[in-house]
Amino acid sequence: MSHERAPLAYRDVLNDALTWVCAAHDATGRRGVSAGYDLRTGWQPTYPETSGYLIPTLLRGATALDRPELADRAAEIGEWLLDLQRPDGSFPGGTGVDGPPVVFDTGQILLGLLALWRATGEQPLLDTAVGAGDWLLAAQQPTGAWLSHFDTPNTYSSRVTWALAELWRATGEPAYLAGVRRSLDWLLDQVRPDGWIDAMAFSADHTAWTHTIGYALRGLLRCADLVATELPEPARRGVDAAVACAVRLAALRTDLHPLLPGEIGPGFTPLVGYACLTGDAQLVTIWLDVARRTGDETLRERCGAVLDRLAQLQVRQPLEPATVGALAGSWPLSGGFEPLAFPNWAAKFLADAVLEHAADVRLRRAATTPGGP
């Protein structure tokens, strides 16, 4: 299927993915979104982190699909998150609502709160976001790094830096920009000459999933764009690093093509024979971003091929009705990322990829239409 025809074909993919997210929301009694559906144990507990970063996806989906109830659900999730914030500004980490705070989780909730604040203008959302941002600043290491779920400095928390940059844009508070600067300086020290970025995995004992690689690259690109005027040199270097890594990833060819191996090591070495479908969906958004910056049409072609494959793998047959519209953690299903399960973040990033693809097609058409930009 040509990627130029994709927006028509992918509308159903988007609609089904977000309908499944609604089912995951309902599964918790609409107290956040279930972490996903496991074929062995059923619906999983609520997950504050991913509930937070589903908010912007639901808001965009509401507009794209003309489904205002998706925006209503985003607002419900936001209200639920307001009640979860702890006095120090943090949020519970992991699934459920009783876990200790985690930097990454709080950062992703911050992204959701700010998206909802921009959509509604409701001051409690911004006040809660400020509390989260202040906690993140206090948790930042003197080096500028953020610690992972395993108390390890990591580069996938560039998405936390992105959240802090968004908060700086919303408030103008110089301390947030200073935190972004410290983080960017540390992140850029992790870039190798061949384009690989170190510390993209949960810890030194893990290898990097394409999921966490996608986190690292997307966070760098978005953060750099937000602070490019005030921090031009680290922002430029951040974009260059993300672009170089993304292009090297696109050059990989394995039996999984057009998907990537789910785990990749330094030197862009494929390590496994399964695909992490969440990471493949994330890379569609990243490659489209890079294609717009560089004019590399081969990246757009790769995105079309990956989206076609993900659309084929999205659950259609109601052998297990609770999974219809979902995307598995791995392909094959028994692979090493969320085996035999359908995480909510896979559906989120699939929806994001479709939304970004449609936006890219619109931009290209506008650019070639008389009177267009």
Protein backbone atom coordinates (compact mmCIF):
# COMPACT_ATOMS: atom_id res chain seq x y z
CA MET A 1 0.00 0.00 0.00
CA SER A 2 1.39 3.39 -0.93
CA HIS A 3 1.94 5.64 2.05
CA GLU A 4 0.14 8.41 0.13
CA ARG A 5 -3.09 6.39 0.52
CA ALA A 6 -2.44 5.61 4.17
CA PRO A 7 -4.64 8.19 5.95
CA LEU A 8 -7.80 6.58 4.55
CA ALA A 9 -6.70 3.05 5.37
CA TYR A 10 -5.32 3.91 8.77
CA ARG A 11 -8.36 5.74 10.11
CA ASP A 12 -9.83 2.39 11.14
CA VAL A 13 -6.54 1.44 12.78
CA LEU A 14 -6.65 4.64 14.83
CA ASN A 15 -10.31 4.25 15.72
CA ASP A 16 -9.90 0.64 16.80
CA ALA A 17 -6.79 1.35 18.85
CA LEU A 18 -8.48 4.15 20.78
CA THR A 19 -11.66 2.12 21.21
CA TRP A 20 -9.50 -0.53 22.85
CA VAL A 21 -7.90 2.14 25.08
CA CYS A 22 -11.43 3.07 26.15
CA ALA A 23 -12.01 -0.59 27.11
CA ALA A 24 -8.78 -0.51 29.14
CA HIS A 25 -10.09 2.65 30.85
CA ASP A 26 -13.42 0.99 31.59
CA ALA A 27 -11.63 -2.08 32.99
CA THR A 28 -10.42 -0.04 35.98
CA GLY A 29 -13.81 1.53 36.67
CA ARG A 30 -12.41 4.55 34.84
CA ARG A 31 -9.81 5.09 37.55
CA GLY A 32 -6.92 5.46 35.15
CA VAL A 33 -6.14 3.08 32.30
CA SER A 34 -5.32 -0.59 32.78
CA ALA A 35 -1.70 -1.38 31.97
CA GLY A 36 -3.02 -3.81 29.39
CA TYR A 37 -4.47 -7.24 28.82
CA ASP A 38 -2.52 -10.41 29.54
CA LEU A 39 -3.73 -13.60 27.88
CA ARG A 40 -2.85 -15.53 31.03
CA THR A 41 -4.28 -13.26 33.73
CA GLY A 42 -6.69 -10.83 32.04
CA TRP A 43 -6.85 -7.09 32.61
CA GLN A 44 -3.88 -5.68 34.50
CA PRO A 45 -3.98 -3.01 37.24
CA THR A 46 -4.23 0.67 36.50
CA TYR A 47 -1.01 2.38 35.41
CA PRO A 48 -0.64 6.08 36.35
CA GLU A 49 2.42 6.71 34.13
CA THR A 50 0.92 5.52 30.86
CA SER A 51 -2.52 6.88 31.77
CA GLY A 52 -0.79 10.26 31.88
CA TYR A 53 0.87 10.07 28.51
CA LEU A 54 -2.29 8.66 26.93
CA ILE A 55 -3.98 12.03 27.57
CA PRO A 56 -2.43 13.86 24.58
CA THR A 57 -3.16 10.87 22.33
CA LEU A 58 -6.83 10.84 23.38
CA LEU A 59 -7.10 14.60 22.83
CA ARG A 60 -5.63 14.36 19.33
CA GLY A 61 -7.74 11.31 18.54
CA ALA A 62 -10.91 13.14 19.61
CA THR A 63 -10.27 15.78 16.96
CA ALA A 64 -9.03 13.45 14.23
CA LEU A 65 -11.95 11.02 14.60
CA ASP A 66 -14.63 13.52 15.65
CA ARG A 67 -15.12 11.53 18.84
CA PRO A 68 -15.49 14.11 21.63
CA GLU A 69 -15.97 11.36 24.19
CA LEU A 70 -12.25 10.65 23.88
CA ALA A 71 -11.52 14.16 25.16
CA ASP A 72 -13.99 13.54 27.99
CA ARG A 73 -12.02 10.45 28.97
CA ALA A 74 -8.77 12.43 28.84
CA ALA A 75 -10.30 14.91 31.29
CA GLU A 76 -11.43 12.06 33.57
CA ILE A 77 -7.92 10.65 33.60
CA GLY A 78 -6.57 14.08 34.43
CA GLU A 79 -8.94 14.49 37.36
CA TRP A 80 -7.94 11.07 38.65
CA LEU A 81 -4.25 11.99 38.41
CA LEU A 82 -4.81 15.21 40.37
CA ASP A 83 -6.06 13.08 43.26
CA LEU A 84 -3.00 10.82 43.06
CA GLN A 85 -0.34 13.51 43.44
CA ARG A 86 1.60 13.26 46.68
CA PRO A 87 2.41 16.26 48.89
CA ASP A 88 5.98 16.43 47.55
CA GLY A 89 4.69 16.72 43.95
CA SER A 90 5.51 13.17 42.85
CA PHE A 91 3.22 10.42 41.63
CA PRO A 92 3.19 6.69 42.43
CA GLY A 93 5.41 4.66 40.13
CA GLY A 94 4.60 1.36 38.47
CA THR A 95 1.17 -0.21 38.25
CA GLY A 96 -1.41 0.39 40.94
CA VAL A 97 -1.45 3.50 43.08
CA ASP A 98 0.79 2.56 46.01
CA GLY A 99 4.24 2.31 44.45
CA PRO A 100 7.16 4.58 45.36
CA PRO A 101 7.69 7.59 43.11
CA VAL A 102 9.66 7.12 39.91
CA VAL A 103 11.21 10.01 37.96
CA PHE A 104 10.19 8.71 34.55
CA ASP A 105 6.60 8.02 35.58
CA THR A 106 6.16 11.49 37.06
CA GLY A 107 7.62 13.02 33.90
CA GLN A 108 5.13 11.21 31.67
CA ILE A 109 2.23 12.27 33.87
CA LEU A 110 3.54 15.83 33.64
CA LEU A 111 3.32 15.65 29.83
CA GLY A 112 -0.31 14.57 30.10
CA LEU A 113 -1.28 17.24 32.62
CA LEU A 114 0.23 19.99 30.47
CA ALA A 115 -1.55 18.71 27.35
CA LEU A 116 -4.84 18.77 29.21
CA TRP A 117 -4.11 22.23 30.65
CA ARG A 118 -3.43 23.58 27.16
CA ALA A 119 -6.74 22.10 25.99
CA THR A 120 -8.85 23.35 28.91
CA GLY A 121 -7.00 26.19 30.62
CA GLU A 122 -7.91 24.76 34.03
CA GLN A 123 -5.52 26.19 36.63
CA PRO A 124 -5.43 23.13 38.95
CA LEU A 125 -3.82 21.17 36.13
CA LEU A 126 -1.00 23.70 35.82
CA ASP A 127 -0.60 23.94 39.58
CA THR A 128 -0.25 20.16 39.78
CA ALA A 129 2.21 20.21 36.88
CA VAL A 130 4.34 22.78 38.71
CA GLY A 131 4.43 20.56 41.77
CA ALA A 132 5.58 17.63 39.62
CA GLY A 133 8.22 19.77 37.92
CA ASP A 134 9.61 20.98 41.23
CA TRP A 135 9.89 17.38 42.43
CA LEU A 136 11.69 16.41 39.23
CA LEU A 137 14.18 19.25 39.67
CA ALA A 138 14.88 18.10 43.21
CA ALA A 139 15.37 14.53 41.96
CA GLN A 140 17.78 15.48 39.17
CA GLN A 141 21.33 14.30 39.75
CA PRO A 142 24.14 16.89 40.03
CA THR A 143 25.45 15.58 36.69
CA GLY A 144 22.13 16.47 35.02
CA ALA A 145 21.09 12.82 34.66
CA TRP A 146 17.78 11.31 35.71
CA LEU A 147 17.75 7.93 37.42
CA SER A 148 15.75 5.06 35.93
CA HIS A 149 13.33 2.65 37.58
CA PHE A 150 16.48 0.74 38.62
CA ASP A 151 18.26 3.85 39.98
CA THR A 152 20.49 3.94 36.92
CA PRO A 153 21.38 7.11 34.95
CA ASN A 154 19.72 6.72 31.57
CA THR A 155 19.10 8.52 28.30
CA TYR A 156 15.54 7.33 27.72
CA SER A 157 14.56 9.85 30.40
CA SER A 158 15.07 12.51 27.74
CA ARG A 159 11.27 12.29 27.80
CA VAL A 160 11.45 13.70 31.34
CA THR A 161 13.63 16.51 30.02
CA TRP A 162 11.00 17.08 27.32
CA ALA A 163 8.33 17.35 30.02
CA LEU A 164 10.42 19.89 31.94
CA ALA A 165 10.92 21.89 28.75
CA GLU A 166 7.15 21.93 28.21
CA LEU A 167 6.69 23.18 31.77
CA TRP A 168 9.26 25.91 31.18
CA ARG A 169 7.34 27.00 28.08
CA ALA A 170 4.12 27.09 30.11
CA THR A 171 5.50 29.03 33.07
CA GLY A 172 8.67 30.83 31.98
CA GLU A 173 10.35 29.66 35.18
CA PRO A 174 14.16 29.88 34.67
CA ALA A 175 14.86 26.97 37.04
CA TYR A 176 13.12 24.58 34.65
CA LEU A 177 15.19 25.78 31.71
CA ALA A 178 18.35 25.35 33.79
CA GLY A 179 17.30 21.78 34.55
CA VAL A 180 16.79 21.14 30.85
CA ARG A 181 20.25 22.52 30.12
CA ARG A 182 21.89 20.26 32.70
CA SER A 183 20.08 17.24 31.32
CA LEU A 184 20.98 18.00 27.71
CA ASP A 185 24.64 18.42 28.61
CA TRP A 186 24.65 14.98 30.26
CA LEU A 187 22.65 13.34 27.46
CA LEU A 188 25.01 14.62 24.80
CA ASP A 189 27.99 13.17 26.66
CA GLN A 190 26.45 9.72 26.08
CA VAL A 191 26.57 9.96 22.26
CA ARG A 192 29.17 7.75 20.56
CA PRO A 193 30.98 8.70 17.33
CA ASP A 194 29.03 6.05 15.36
CA GLY A 195 25.70 7.58 16.44
CA TRP A 196 24.83 5.08 19.16
CA ILE A 197 23.60 6.63 22.40
CA ASP A 198 24.60 4.87 25.57
CA ALA A 199 22.32 4.13 28.54
CA MET A 200 19.12 3.71 26.52
CA ALA A 201 18.21 0.57 28.51
CA PHE A 202 16.63 0.29 31.96
CA SER A 203 19.99 -0.59 33.52
CA ALA A 204 23.44 -1.91 32.72
CA ASP A 205 22.01 -5.42 33.12
CA HIS A 206 19.46 -4.86 30.34
CA THR A 207 19.82 -4.38 26.62
CA ALA A 208 17.99 -1.53 24.92
CA TRP A 209 14.55 -2.31 23.54
CA THR A 210 13.45 -0.33 20.53
CA HIS A 211 10.82 0.96 22.97
CA THR A 212 13.38 2.66 25.21
CA ILE A 213 15.42 3.72 22.16
CA GLY A 214 12.25 5.38 20.87
CA TYR A 215 11.84 7.15 24.19
CA ALA A 216 15.39 8.50 24.03
CA LEU A 217 15.16 9.80 20.46
CA ARG A 218 11.69 11.33 20.72
CA GLY A 219 12.58 13.09 23.95
CA LEU A 220 15.73 14.58 22.44
CA LEU A 221 13.93 15.87 19.36
CA ARG A 222 10.99 17.42 21.20
CA CYS A 223 13.11 18.95 23.94
CA ALA A 224 15.55 20.42 21.45
CA ASP A 225 12.76 22.07 19.47
CA LEU A 226 11.24 23.61 22.59
CA VAL A 227 14.47 25.26 23.80
CA ALA A 228 16.19 25.93 20.46
CA THR A 229 16.02 29.72 20.81
CA GLU A 230 17.38 29.88 24.35
CA LEU A 231 19.83 26.96 24.14
CA PRO A 232 20.77 26.87 20.46
CA GLU A 233 23.99 24.86 20.68
CA PRO A 234 22.84 21.94 22.87
CA ALA A 235 19.53 21.91 21.00
CA ARG A 236 21.30 21.61 17.64
CA ARG A 237 23.55 18.87 18.95
CA GLY A 238 20.55 17.06 20.41
CA VAL A 239 18.77 17.04 17.06
CA ASP A 240 21.93 15.92 15.28
CA ALA A 241 22.38 13.04 17.72
CA ALA A 242 18.79 11.86 17.42
CA VAL A 243 18.82 12.12 13.63
CA ALA A 244 22.08 10.19 13.31
CA CYS A 245 20.84 7.39 15.57
CA ALA A 246 17.46 7.19 13.82
CA VAL A 247 19.07 6.96 10.38
CA ARG A 248 21.41 4.18 11.49
CA LEU A 249 18.45 2.25 12.88
CA ALA A 250 16.59 2.60 9.59
CA ALA A 251 19.57 1.10 7.77
CA LEU A 252 19.28 -2.19 9.70
CA ARG A 253 18.00 -5.13 7.65
CA THR A 254 17.02 -8.42 9.24
CA ASP A 255 14.45 -11.13 8.60
CA LEU A 256 11.96 -8.99 10.55
CA HIS A 257 12.10 -6.17 8.00
CA PRO A 258 10.37 -3.68 7.81
CA LEU A 259 10.21 -4.11 11.60
CA LEU A 260 13.34 -3.88 13.72
CA PRO A 261 14.78 -6.46 16.12
CA GLY A 262 13.23 -5.74 19.50
CA GLU A 263 16.61 -5.45 21.25
CA ILE A 264 19.61 -3.66 19.75
CA GLY A 265 23.08 -3.19 21.20
CA PRO A 266 25.99 -0.77 20.79
CA GLY A 267 27.22 -0.52 17.24
CA PHE A 268 23.58 -0.98 16.17
CA THR A 269 23.91 -4.72 16.62
CA PRO A 270 20.68 -6.77 16.33
CA LEU A 271 20.39 -9.01 19.38
CA VAL A 272 17.10 -10.90 19.08
CA GLY A 273 14.77 -12.44 16.52
CA TYR A 274 11.54 -10.84 17.72
CA ALA A 275 10.10 -7.36 17.21
CA CYS A 276 9.03 -5.01 20.00
CA LEU A 277 5.95 -3.59 18.28
CA THR A 278 5.72 -0.60 20.61
CA GLY A 279 9.20 0.46 19.55
CA ASP A 280 8.41 0.02 15.87
CA ALA A 281 5.37 2.29 16.27
CA GLN A 282 7.47 4.89 18.10
CA LEU A 283 10.05 4.86 15.35
CA VAL A 284 7.41 5.70 12.75
CA THR A 285 6.85 9.01 14.52
CA ILE A 286 10.60 9.59 14.87
CA TRP A 287 11.44 8.71 11.25
CA LEU A 288 8.69 11.01 9.98
CA ASP A 289 10.13 13.82 12.09
CA VAL A 290 13.61 13.13 10.71
CA ALA A 291 12.27 12.95 7.15
CA ARG A 292 10.78 16.42 7.52
CA ARG A 293 14.09 17.76 8.78
CA THR A 294 16.30 16.07 6.19
CA GLY A 295 14.08 15.47 3.16
CA ASP A 296 14.96 11.76 3.24
CA GLU A 297 12.10 10.11 1.33
CA THR A 298 13.37 6.62 2.09
CA LEU A 299 12.41 7.18 5.72
CA ARG A 300 8.85 8.01 4.68
CA GLU A 301 8.72 4.83 2.62
CA ARG A 302 9.96 2.84 5.62
CA CYS A 303 7.25 4.41 7.78
CA GLY A 304 4.56 3.36 5.33
CA ALA A 305 5.87 -0.20 5.29
CA VAL A 306 6.06 -0.38 9.09
CA LEU A 307 2.57 1.04 9.52
CA ASP A 308 1.20 -1.46 7.03
CA ARG A 309 2.79 -4.27 9.03
CA LEU A 310 1.52 -2.94 12.35
CA ALA A 311 -1.98 -2.61 10.88
CA GLN A 312 -1.80 -6.28 9.89
CA LEU A 313 -0.74 -7.24 13.42
CA GLN A 314 -3.39 -5.17 15.22
CA VAL A 315 -5.93 -7.62 16.65
CA ARG A 316 -8.99 -7.96 14.40
CA GLN A 317 -10.39 -11.43 15.10
CA PRO A 318 -12.40 -11.74 18.34
CA LEU A 319 -10.77 -14.97 19.48
CA GLU A 320 -10.23 -13.01 22.70
CA PRO A 321 -12.71 -10.11 22.55
CA ALA A 322 -10.80 -8.06 25.14
CA THR A 323 -7.87 -7.70 22.72
CA VAL A 324 -9.71 -6.47 19.61
CA GLY A 325 -8.04 -3.23 18.50
CA ALA A 326 -4.98 -3.85 20.67
CA LEU A 327 -1.36 -4.32 19.60
CA ALA A 328 0.78 -7.02 21.18
CA GLY A 329 3.97 -6.30 23.05
CA SER A 330 6.00 -8.57 20.78
CA TRP A 331 5.85 -10.30 17.43
CA PRO A 332 5.86 -13.23 17.62
CA LEU A 333 3.56 -12.98 20.61
CA SER A 334 5.95 -14.98 22.80
CA GLY A 335 8.82 -12.52 22.24
CA GLY A 336 10.74 -10.92 25.08
CA PHE A 337 8.82 -7.65 25.40
CA GLU A 338 5.53 -8.02 27.32
CA PRO A 339 5.08 -11.63 26.10
CA LEU A 340 1.50 -12.85 25.61
CA ALA A 341 0.23 -9.40 26.54
CA PHE A 342 -1.20 -6.27 24.95
CA PRO A 343 0.17 -3.20 26.77
CA ASN A 344 -1.75 0.06 26.64
CA TRP A 345 1.36 1.89 25.51
CA ALA A 346 1.54 -0.23 22.34
CA ALA A 347 -1.91 1.02 21.36
CA LYS A 348 -0.93 4.56 22.36
CA PHE A 349 2.14 4.65 20.14
CA LEU A 350 0.31 2.97 17.26
CA ALA A 351 -2.32 5.72 17.47
CA ASP A 352 0.42 8.37 17.65
CA ALA A 353 2.10 6.91 14.57
CA VAL A 354 -1.13 7.06 12.56
CA LEU A 355 -1.82 10.63 13.70
CA GLU A 356 1.72 11.72 12.78
CA HIS A 357 1.50 9.98 9.42
CA ALA A 358 -1.75 11.77 8.60
CA ALA A 359 -0.25 15.10 9.69
CA ASP A 360 2.80 14.49 7.51
CA VAL A 361 0.65 13.77 4.46
CA ARG A 362 -1.34 16.96 5.06
CA LEU A 363 1.82 19.03 5.36
CA ARG A 364 3.27 17.63 2.16
CA ARG A 365 0.08 18.21 0.23
CA ALA A 366 -0.15 21.78 1.52
CA ALA A 367 3.44 22.40 0.46
CA THR A 368 2.73 21.30 -3.10
CA THR A 369 -0.66 23.03 -3.43
CA PRO A 370 -0.73 26.50 -5.04
CA GLY A 371 -1.14 28.99 -2.25
CA GLY A 372 0.07 26.47 0.34
CA PRO A 373 2.90 27.16 2.74
